[in-house]
Amino acid sequence: MSINLALILTVLTLVSGIVVALNRFVWSRGNGNAGGSAARDTLVEYSRSFFPVLLFVLIIRSFVFEPFRIPSGSMMPTLEKGDFIFVNKWSYGLRLPVTETKIVNTGLPERGDVVVFRLPSDPSVNYIKRVIGLPGDELVYERHRLTINGEEVPLDVHPDATDESPRFVAQLGNREHEILITNAAYMVRDGTYQVPEGHYFVMGDNRDNSRDSRFIGAIPETHLVGEAVRIWMHIDGLSWPKWERIGDKIQ
């Protein structure tokens, strides 16, 4: 069962705020009756302490940055399992917590952006992939070659590629990024895809090991969470952190 942290944080902030307001405008103007005052004073004390902190965290998490952990290798080599990343929440519009209703339009994804989105079939689950197709695009993916609106995406062998690490460099718009093809002879979901209006076609950089729009369909704009911008920690299980990854910008 998924835990809705946004809902929990919103409820706690609301409850503590109501207690602070009641104390300020109602209880502090009472007749000083001591009935139940000990429990109420304790509640007020805790609410006063936690409300500013909860409100600050709620605002930052909802409208500025939200941390996420990479749970799988579907975005290798760009992102590794165990990476902790910051997601820019204002890149694609400010949304209210819990309801995810957009209140301010600040921009739209560009081709090549790495985005976090809510899975259409289960919005409580967040995925992270790279934007490949924009609304109205026609994409052809065949034998690990990607064509967008009739133009093939340049794909070059990475200078550090090996048989064990078959890495390539792709150019999407203004973004140059690495992709991983683990089995050059394996054709996974080859086909032609039309991106509907208001939707985005996303793929993992680990092309043969990614459950992306080839399987789950194009992602509605309403399900976008934000743009992944930077790695702030890497630790996987009981292993030592990879210090060299900390602070890396996500390309």
C-alpha atoms as a PDB file:
ATOM      1  CA  MET A   1       0.000   0.000   0.000  1.00  0.00           C
ATOM      2  CA  SER A   2       1.376   3.399  -1.040  1.00  0.00           C
ATOM      3  CA  ILE A   3       1.636   6.161   1.539  1.00  0.00           C
ATOM      4  CA  ASN A   4       0.335   9.521   0.358  1.00  0.00           C
ATOM      5  CA  LEU A   5       2.920  11.802   1.967  1.00  0.00           C
ATOM      6  CA  ALA A   6       1.396  14.910   0.402  1.00  0.00           C
ATOM      7  CA  LEU A   7      -1.969  14.136   1.999  1.00  0.00           C
ATOM      8  CA  ILE A   8      -0.435  13.388   5.405  1.00  0.00           C
ATOM      9  CA  LEU A   9       1.670  16.560   5.347  1.00  0.00           C
ATOM     10  CA  THR A  10      -1.295  18.677   4.237  1.00  0.00           C
ATOM     11  CA  VAL A  11      -3.570  17.290   6.968  1.00  0.00           C
ATOM     12  CA  LEU A  12      -0.959  17.785   9.705  1.00  0.00           C
ATOM     13  CA  THR A  13      -0.302  21.359   8.551  1.00  0.00           C
ATOM     14  CA  LEU A  14      -4.027  22.125   8.423  1.00  0.00           C
ATOM     15  CA  VAL A  15      -4.778  20.645  11.859  1.00  0.00           C
ATOM     16  CA  SER A  16      -1.855  22.377  13.582  1.00  0.00           C
ATOM     17  CA  GLY A  17      -2.766  25.647  11.872  1.00  0.00           C
ATOM     18  CA  ILE A  18      -6.377  25.398  13.052  1.00  0.00           C
ATOM     19  CA  VAL A  19      -5.222  24.784  16.638  1.00  0.00           C
ATOM     20  CA  VAL A  20      -2.926  27.829  16.508  1.00  0.00           C
ATOM     21  CA  ALA A  21      -5.733  29.972  15.088  1.00  0.00           C
ATOM     22  CA  LEU A  22      -8.249  28.773  17.691  1.00  0.00           C
ATOM     23  CA  ASN A  23      -5.823  29.553  20.476  1.00  0.00           C
ATOM     24  CA  ARG A  24      -5.069  32.997  19.062  1.00  0.00           C
ATOM     25  CA  PHE A  25      -8.633  34.133  18.367  1.00  0.00           C
ATOM     26  CA  VAL A  26     -10.873  32.002  20.655  1.00  0.00           C
ATOM     27  CA  TRP A  27      -9.226  30.222  23.572  1.00  0.00           C
ATOM     28  CA  SER A  28      -6.913  33.078  24.592  1.00  0.00           C
ATOM     29  CA  ARG A  29     -10.004  35.300  24.972  1.00  0.00           C
ATOM     30  CA  GLY A  30     -11.896  32.872  27.210  1.00  0.00           C
ATOM     31  CA  ASN A  31     -12.739  33.256  30.866  1.00  0.00           C
ATOM     32  CA  GLY A  32      -9.766  31.299  32.105  1.00  0.00           C
ATOM     33  CA  ASN A  33     -11.761  28.154  32.967  1.00  0.00           C
ATOM     34  CA  ALA A  34      -9.215  25.471  33.780  1.00  0.00           C
ATOM     35  CA  GLY A  35     -11.369  22.578  32.576  1.00  0.00           C
ATOM     36  CA  GLY A  36      -9.279  20.499  30.210  1.00  0.00           C
ATOM     37  CA  SER A  37      -6.619  23.219  30.067  1.00  0.00           C
ATOM     38  CA  ALA A  38      -3.610  20.899  30.564  1.00  0.00           C
ATOM     39  CA  ALA A  39      -4.387  18.792  27.499  1.00  0.00           C
ATOM     40  CA  ARG A  40      -5.292  21.872  25.487  1.00  0.00           C
ATOM     41  CA  ASP A  41      -2.126  23.704  26.491  1.00  0.00           C
ATOM     42  CA  THR A  42      -0.046  20.704  25.449  1.00  0.00           C
ATOM     43  CA  LEU A  43      -1.830  20.579  22.080  1.00  0.00           C
ATOM     44  CA  VAL A  44      -1.287  24.303  21.570  1.00  0.00           C
ATOM     45  CA  GLU A  45       2.386  24.056  22.512  1.00  0.00           C
ATOM     46  CA  TYR A  46       3.052  21.257  20.036  1.00  0.00           C
ATOM     47  CA  SER A  47       1.017  22.971  17.309  1.00  0.00           C
ATOM     48  CA  ARG A  48       2.916  26.238  17.756  1.00  0.00           C
ATOM     49  CA  SER A  49       6.200  24.370  17.455  1.00  0.00           C
ATOM     50  CA  PHE A  50       5.338  22.209  14.455  1.00  0.00           C
ATOM     51  CA  PHE A  51       3.039  24.418  12.380  1.00  0.00           C
ATOM     52  CA  PRO A  52       5.765  26.742  10.963  1.00  0.00           C
ATOM     53  CA  VAL A  53       7.992  23.760  10.156  1.00  0.00           C
ATOM     54  CA  LEU A  54       5.157  21.776   8.533  1.00  0.00           C
ATOM     55  CA  LEU A  55       4.026  24.800   6.523  1.00  0.00           C
ATOM     56  CA  PHE A  56       7.562  25.462   5.300  1.00  0.00           C
ATOM     57  CA  VAL A  57       8.087  21.831   4.258  1.00  0.00           C
ATOM     58  CA  LEU A  58       4.678  21.719   2.553  1.00  0.00           C
ATOM     59  CA  ILE A  59       5.400  24.855   0.514  1.00  0.00           C
ATOM     60  CA  ILE A  60       8.891  23.713  -0.502  1.00  0.00           C
ATOM     61  CA  ARG A  61       7.753  20.178  -1.344  1.00  0.00           C
ATOM     62  CA  SER A  62       4.674  21.303  -3.255  1.00  0.00           C
ATOM     63  CA  PHE A  63       5.974  24.286  -5.188  1.00  0.00           C
ATOM     64  CA  VAL A  64       9.785  24.302  -5.220  1.00  0.00           C
ATOM     65  CA  PHE A  65      11.725  21.013  -4.918  1.00  0.00           C
ATOM     66  CA  GLU A  66      10.768  17.479  -3.985  1.00  0.00           C
ATOM     67  CA  PRO A  67      13.262  14.672  -3.302  1.00  0.00           C
ATOM     68  CA  PHE A  68      12.927  11.285  -4.987  1.00  0.00           C
ATOM     69  CA  ARG A  69      14.891   8.048  -4.856  1.00  0.00           C
ATOM     70  CA  ILE A  70      15.657   6.082  -8.026  1.00  0.00           C
ATOM     71  CA  PRO A  71      14.384   2.534  -7.365  1.00  0.00           C
ATOM     72  CA  SER A  72      15.580   0.751 -10.520  1.00  0.00           C
ATOM     73  CA  GLY A  73      18.105   0.806 -13.351  1.00  0.00           C
ATOM     74  CA  SER A  74      15.688   1.861 -16.103  1.00  0.00           C
ATOM     75  CA  MET A  75      17.436   5.235 -16.524  1.00  0.00           C
ATOM     76  CA  MET A  76      21.013   3.924 -16.574  1.00  0.00           C
ATOM     77  CA  PRO A  77      23.596   5.193 -17.289  1.00  0.00           C
ATOM     78  CA  THR A  78      22.141   8.670 -16.596  1.00  0.00           C
ATOM     79  CA  LEU A  79      20.653   7.653 -13.248  1.00  0.00           C
ATOM     80  CA  GLU A  80      21.583   4.645 -11.150  1.00  0.00           C
ATOM     81  CA  LYS A  81      19.579   2.675  -8.630  1.00  0.00           C
ATOM     82  CA  GLY A  82      20.132   4.374  -5.285  1.00  0.00           C
ATOM     83  CA  ASP A  83      20.451   7.920  -6.638  1.00  0.00           C
ATOM     84  CA  PHE A  84      18.550  10.517  -4.628  1.00  0.00           C
ATOM     85  CA  ILE A  85      17.473  13.409  -6.815  1.00  0.00           C
ATOM     86  CA  PHE A  86      15.833  16.812  -6.616  1.00  0.00           C
ATOM     87  CA  VAL A  87      12.798  17.429  -8.810  1.00  0.00           C
ATOM     88  CA  ASN A  88      11.997  20.987  -9.850  1.00  0.00           C
ATOM     89  CA  LYS A  89       8.272  21.365  -9.123  1.00  0.00           C
ATOM     90  CA  TRP A  90       7.742  24.685 -10.933  1.00  0.00           C
ATOM     91  CA  SER A  91       9.155  23.632 -14.312  1.00  0.00           C
ATOM     92  CA  TYR A  92       5.793  22.556 -15.715  1.00  0.00           C
ATOM     93  CA  GLY A  93       3.352  24.547 -13.600  1.00  0.00           C
ATOM     94  CA  LEU A  94       2.509  24.979  -9.937  1.00  0.00           C
ATOM     95  CA  ARG A  95      -0.024  22.452  -8.666  1.00  0.00           C
ATOM     96  CA  LEU A  96      -1.959  22.224  -5.441  1.00  0.00           C
ATOM     97  CA  PRO A  97      -0.888  19.396  -3.115  1.00  0.00           C
ATOM     98  CA  VAL A  98      -3.099  16.279  -3.000  1.00  0.00           C
ATOM     99  CA  THR A  99      -5.486  17.360  -5.808  1.00  0.00           C
ATOM    100  CA  GLU A 100      -2.630  18.141  -8.262  1.00  0.00           C
ATOM    101  CA  THR A 101      -4.741  20.936  -9.776  1.00  0.00           C
ATOM    102  CA  LYS A 102      -2.573  23.345 -11.783  1.00  0.00           C
ATOM    103  CA  ILE A 103      -2.906  26.917 -10.536  1.00  0.00           C
ATOM    104  CA  VAL A 104      -0.043  28.602 -12.411  1.00  0.00           C
ATOM    105  CA  ASN A 105       1.295  27.646 -15.850  1.00  0.00           C
ATOM    106  CA  THR A 106       5.084  28.078 -15.864  1.00  0.00           C
ATOM    107  CA  GLY A 107       6.116  25.994 -18.880  1.00  0.00           C
ATOM    108  CA  LEU A 108       5.976  22.680 -20.712  1.00  0.00           C
ATOM    109  CA  PRO A 109       8.466  19.826 -21.131  1.00  0.00           C
ATOM    110  CA  GLU A 110      11.053  20.033 -23.867  1.00  0.00           C
ATOM    111  CA  ARG A 111      12.401  17.100 -25.815  1.00  0.00           C
ATOM    112  CA  GLY A 112      15.176  15.497 -23.800  1.00  0.00           C
ATOM    113  CA  ASP A 113      13.941  16.562 -20.357  1.00  0.00           C
ATOM    114  CA  VAL A 114      14.115  13.946 -17.608  1.00  0.00           C
ATOM    115  CA  VAL A 115      10.726  14.058 -15.897  1.00  0.00           C
ATOM    116  CA  VAL A 116       8.962  12.517 -12.926  1.00  0.00           C
ATOM    117  CA  PHE A 117       5.310  11.696 -13.524  1.00  0.00           C
ATOM    118  CA  ARG A 118       2.437   9.861 -11.902  1.00  0.00           C
ATOM    119  CA  LEU A 119       1.675   6.507 -13.513  1.00  0.00           C
ATOM    120  CA  PRO A 120      -1.657   6.861 -15.380  1.00  0.00           C
ATOM    121  CA  SER A 121      -2.857   3.412 -14.290  1.00  0.00           C
ATOM    122  CA  ASP A 122      -1.930   4.090 -10.631  1.00  0.00           C
ATOM    123  CA  PRO A 123      -1.363   7.794  -9.813  1.00  0.00           C
ATOM    124  CA  SER A 124       0.040   6.890  -6.390  1.00  0.00           C
ATOM    125  CA  VAL A 125       3.154   5.529  -8.153  1.00  0.00           C
ATOM    126  CA  ASN A 126       5.830   7.873  -9.532  1.00  0.00           C
ATOM    127  CA  TYR A 127       7.981   7.023 -12.551  1.00  0.00           C
ATOM    128  CA  ILE A 128      11.004   8.807 -14.010  1.00  0.00           C
ATOM    129  CA  LYS A 129      11.834   8.756 -17.738  1.00  0.00           C
ATOM    130  CA  ARG A 130      13.106  10.994 -20.532  1.00  0.00           C
ATOM    131  CA  VAL A 131      10.755  12.957 -22.790  1.00  0.00           C
ATOM    132  CA  ILE A 132      11.207  11.662 -26.332  1.00  0.00           C
ATOM    133  CA  GLY A 133       8.037  12.736 -28.100  1.00  0.00           C
ATOM    134  CA  LEU A 134       6.012  15.943 -27.837  1.00  0.00           C
ATOM    135  CA  PRO A 135       2.282  16.327 -28.560  1.00  0.00           C
ATOM    136  CA  GLY A 136       1.561  15.574 -32.221  1.00  0.00           C
ATOM    137  CA  ASP A 137       4.862  13.797 -32.898  1.00  0.00           C
ATOM    138  CA  GLU A 138       5.149  10.547 -34.830  1.00  0.00           C
ATOM    139  CA  LEU A 139       7.870   8.241 -33.535  1.00  0.00           C
ATOM    140  CA  VAL A 140       9.322   5.108 -35.060  1.00  0.00           C
ATOM    141  CA  TYR A 141      11.470   2.838 -32.888  1.00  0.00           C
ATOM    142  CA  GLU A 142      13.093   0.013 -34.842  1.00  0.00           C
ATOM    143  CA  ARG A 143      16.231  -2.009 -34.113  1.00  0.00           C
ATOM    144  CA  HIS A 144      17.251   0.464 -31.418  1.00  0.00           C
ATOM    145  CA  ARG A 145      17.043   3.371 -33.840  1.00  0.00           C
ATOM    146  CA  LEU A 146      14.649   6.219 -33.084  1.00  0.00           C
ATOM    147  CA  THR A 147      13.068   8.410 -35.743  1.00  0.00           C
ATOM    148  CA  ILE A 148      11.019  11.482 -34.816  1.00  0.00           C
ATOM    149  CA  ASN A 149       8.818  13.061 -37.490  1.00  0.00           C
ATOM    150  CA  GLY A 150      10.901  11.456 -40.210  1.00  0.00           C
ATOM    151  CA  GLU A 151      14.306  12.469 -38.801  1.00  0.00           C
ATOM    152  CA  GLU A 152      16.549   9.841 -37.247  1.00  0.00           C
ATOM    153  CA  VAL A 153      18.013  10.744 -33.851  1.00  0.00           C
ATOM    154  CA  PRO A 154      21.837  10.721 -34.066  1.00  0.00           C
ATOM    155  CA  LEU A 155      23.314   7.801 -32.134  1.00  0.00           C
ATOM    156  CA  ASP A 156      27.087   7.426 -31.686  1.00  0.00           C
ATOM    157  CA  VAL A 157      29.155   4.888 -29.800  1.00  0.00           C
ATOM    158  CA  HIS A 158      30.361   6.301 -26.481  1.00  0.00           C
ATOM    159  CA  PRO A 159      34.191   6.525 -26.333  1.00  0.00           C
ATOM    160  CA  ASP A 160      34.205   4.519 -23.082  1.00  0.00           C
ATOM    161  CA  ALA A 161      31.832   1.810 -24.364  1.00  0.00           C
ATOM    162  CA  THR A 162      32.771  -1.831 -23.828  1.00  0.00           C
ATOM    163  CA  ASP A 163      31.118  -5.175 -24.581  1.00  0.00           C
ATOM    164  CA  GLU A 164      30.004  -5.286 -20.946  1.00  0.00           C
ATOM    165  CA  SER A 165      28.786  -1.663 -21.051  1.00  0.00           C
ATOM    166  CA  PRO A 166      27.403  -0.924 -24.553  1.00  0.00           C
ATOM    167  CA  ARG A 167      26.862   2.828 -24.145  1.00  0.00           C
ATOM    168  CA  PHE A 168      25.840   5.250 -26.849  1.00  0.00           C
ATOM    169  CA  VAL A 169      25.429   9.012 -27.098  1.00  0.00           C
ATOM    170  CA  ALA A 170      22.153  10.424 -28.415  1.00  0.00           C
ATOM    171  CA  GLN A 171      21.214  14.002 -29.282  1.00  0.00           C
ATOM    172  CA  LEU A 172      17.671  15.130 -28.455  1.00  0.00           C
ATOM    173  CA  GLY A 173      17.081  18.793 -29.150  1.00  0.00           C
ATOM    174  CA  ASN A 174      19.709  20.668 -27.158  1.00  0.00           C
ATOM    175  CA  ARG A 175      20.381  17.708 -24.880  1.00  0.00           C
ATOM    176  CA  GLU A 176      23.176  15.230 -25.433  1.00  0.00           C
ATOM    177  CA  HIS A 177      22.772  12.182 -23.212  1.00  0.00           C
ATOM    178  CA  GLU A 178      23.932   8.613 -22.876  1.00  0.00           C
ATOM    179  CA  ILE A 179      21.810   5.537 -23.429  1.00  0.00           C
ATOM    180  CA  LEU A 180      22.430   1.886 -22.671  1.00  0.00           C
ATOM    181  CA  ILE A 181      21.598  -0.951 -25.058  1.00  0.00           C
ATOM    182  CA  THR A 182      22.133  -4.213 -23.222  1.00  0.00           C
ATOM    183  CA  ASN A 183      21.317  -6.546 -26.106  1.00  0.00           C
ATOM    184  CA  ALA A 184      21.839  -5.147 -29.583  1.00  0.00           C
ATOM    185  CA  ALA A 185      20.030  -8.105 -31.147  1.00  0.00           C
ATOM    186  CA  TYR A 186      16.919  -7.803 -28.977  1.00  0.00           C
ATOM    187  CA  MET A 187      14.004  -5.848 -30.401  1.00  0.00           C
ATOM    188  CA  VAL A 188      11.691  -4.644 -27.637  1.00  0.00           C
ATOM    189  CA  ARG A 189       8.384  -3.078 -28.644  1.00  0.00           C
ATOM    190  CA  ASP A 190       9.541  -1.895 -32.031  1.00  0.00           C
ATOM    191  CA  GLY A 191       6.813   0.057 -33.762  1.00  0.00           C
ATOM    192  CA  THR A 192       5.300   3.370 -34.771  1.00  0.00           C
ATOM    193  CA  TYR A 193       3.763   5.623 -32.136  1.00  0.00           C
ATOM    194  CA  GLN A 194       1.603   8.732 -32.505  1.00  0.00           C
ATOM    195  CA  VAL A 195       1.688  11.130 -29.543  1.00  0.00           C
ATOM    196  CA  PRO A 196      -1.796  12.536 -28.745  1.00  0.00           C
ATOM    197  CA  GLU A 197      -2.311  16.212 -28.003  1.00  0.00           C
ATOM    198  CA  GLY A 198      -1.712  17.028 -24.352  1.00  0.00           C
ATOM    199  CA  HIS A 199       0.506  13.938 -23.931  1.00  0.00           C
ATOM    200  CA  TYR A 200       4.224  13.102 -23.905  1.00  0.00           C
ATOM    201  CA  PHE A 201       6.061   9.987 -25.067  1.00  0.00           C
ATOM    202  CA  VAL A 202       8.741   8.961 -22.565  1.00  0.00           C
ATOM    203  CA  MET A 203      11.478   6.328 -22.634  1.00  0.00           C
ATOM    204  CA  GLY A 204      14.138   5.096 -20.255  1.00  0.00           C
ATOM    205  CA  ASP A 205      17.805   5.578 -21.138  1.00  0.00           C
ATOM    206  CA  ASN A 206      18.289   1.858 -20.456  1.00  0.00           C
ATOM    207  CA  ARG A 207      16.356   1.088 -23.614  1.00  0.00           C
ATOM    208  CA  ASP A 208      16.031  -2.695 -23.241  1.00  0.00           C
ATOM    209  CA  ASN A 209      15.081  -2.598 -19.562  1.00  0.00           C
ATOM    210  CA  SER A 210      12.519   0.163 -19.183  1.00  0.00           C
ATOM    211  CA  ARG A 211       8.749   0.050 -18.746  1.00  0.00           C
ATOM    212  CA  ASP A 212       7.960   3.268 -20.541  1.00  0.00           C
ATOM    213  CA  SER A 213       5.535   4.686 -23.120  1.00  0.00           C
ATOM    214  CA  ARG A 214       6.139   1.675 -25.355  1.00  0.00           C
ATOM    215  CA  PHE A 215       4.284  -0.304 -22.682  1.00  0.00           C
ATOM    216  CA  ILE A 216       2.210   2.157 -20.626  1.00  0.00           C
ATOM    217  CA  GLY A 217       1.305   4.629 -23.357  1.00  0.00           C
ATOM    218  CA  ALA A 218       1.855   8.369 -23.636  1.00  0.00           C
ATOM    219  CA  ILE A 219       1.759  10.393 -20.408  1.00  0.00           C
ATOM    220  CA  PRO A 220      -0.931  13.083 -19.951  1.00  0.00           C
ATOM    221  CA  GLU A 221       0.353  16.563 -19.132  1.00  0.00           C
ATOM    222  CA  THR A 222      -1.864  16.481 -16.033  1.00  0.00           C
ATOM    223  CA  HIS A 223       0.263  13.650 -14.589  1.00  0.00           C
ATOM    224  CA  LEU A 224       3.603  15.488 -14.726  1.00  0.00           C
ATOM    225  CA  VAL A 225       5.263  16.085 -11.349  1.00  0.00           C
ATOM    226  CA  GLY A 226       8.359  18.024 -12.363  1.00  0.00           C
ATOM    227  CA  GLU A 227      11.784  17.995 -13.990  1.00  0.00           C
ATOM    228  CA  ALA A 228      14.628  15.972 -12.476  1.00  0.00           C
ATOM    229  CA  VAL A 229      17.539  18.396 -12.151  1.00  0.00           C
ATOM    230  CA  ARG A 230      20.274  17.179  -9.792  1.00  0.00           C
ATOM    231  CA  ILE A 231      21.598  14.224  -7.768  1.00  0.00           C
ATOM    232  CA  TRP A 232      22.047  15.055  -4.088  1.00  0.00           C
ATOM    233  CA  MET A 233      23.035  11.614  -2.730  1.00  0.00           C
ATOM    234  CA  HIS A 234      23.746   8.081  -3.873  1.00  0.00           C
ATOM    235  CA  ILE A 235      23.494   5.089  -1.590  1.00  0.00           C
ATOM    236  CA  ASP A 236      22.193   1.637  -2.432  1.00  0.00           C
ATOM    237  CA  GLY A 237      21.546  -0.747   0.435  1.00  0.00           C
ATOM    238  CA  LEU A 238      24.455  -1.173   2.826  1.00  0.00           C
ATOM    239  CA  SER A 239      27.125  -0.083   0.351  1.00  0.00           C
ATOM    240  CA  TRP A 240      29.161   3.081   0.759  1.00  0.00           C
ATOM    241  CA  PRO A 241      27.766   6.218  -0.905  1.00  0.00           C
ATOM    242  CA  LYS A 242      29.168   7.082  -4.325  1.00  0.00           C
ATOM    243  CA  TRP A 243      30.493  10.483  -3.363  1.00  0.00           C
ATOM    244  CA  GLU A 244      31.456  11.337  -6.942  1.00  0.00           C
ATOM    245  CA  ARG A 245      27.786  11.353  -7.991  1.00  0.00           C
ATOM    246  CA  ILE A 246      26.689  13.885  -5.381  1.00  0.00           C
ATOM    247  CA  GLY A 247      25.841  17.223  -6.948  1.00  0.00           C
ATOM    248  CA  ASP A 248      25.828  15.947 -10.541  1.00  0.00           C
ATOM    249  CA  LYS A 249      23.471  17.769 -12.887  1.00  0.00           C
ATOM    250  CA  ILE A 250      21.049  15.456 -14.680  1.00  0.00           C
ATOM    251  CA  GLN A 251      21.658  15.702 -18.430  1.00  0.00           C
END
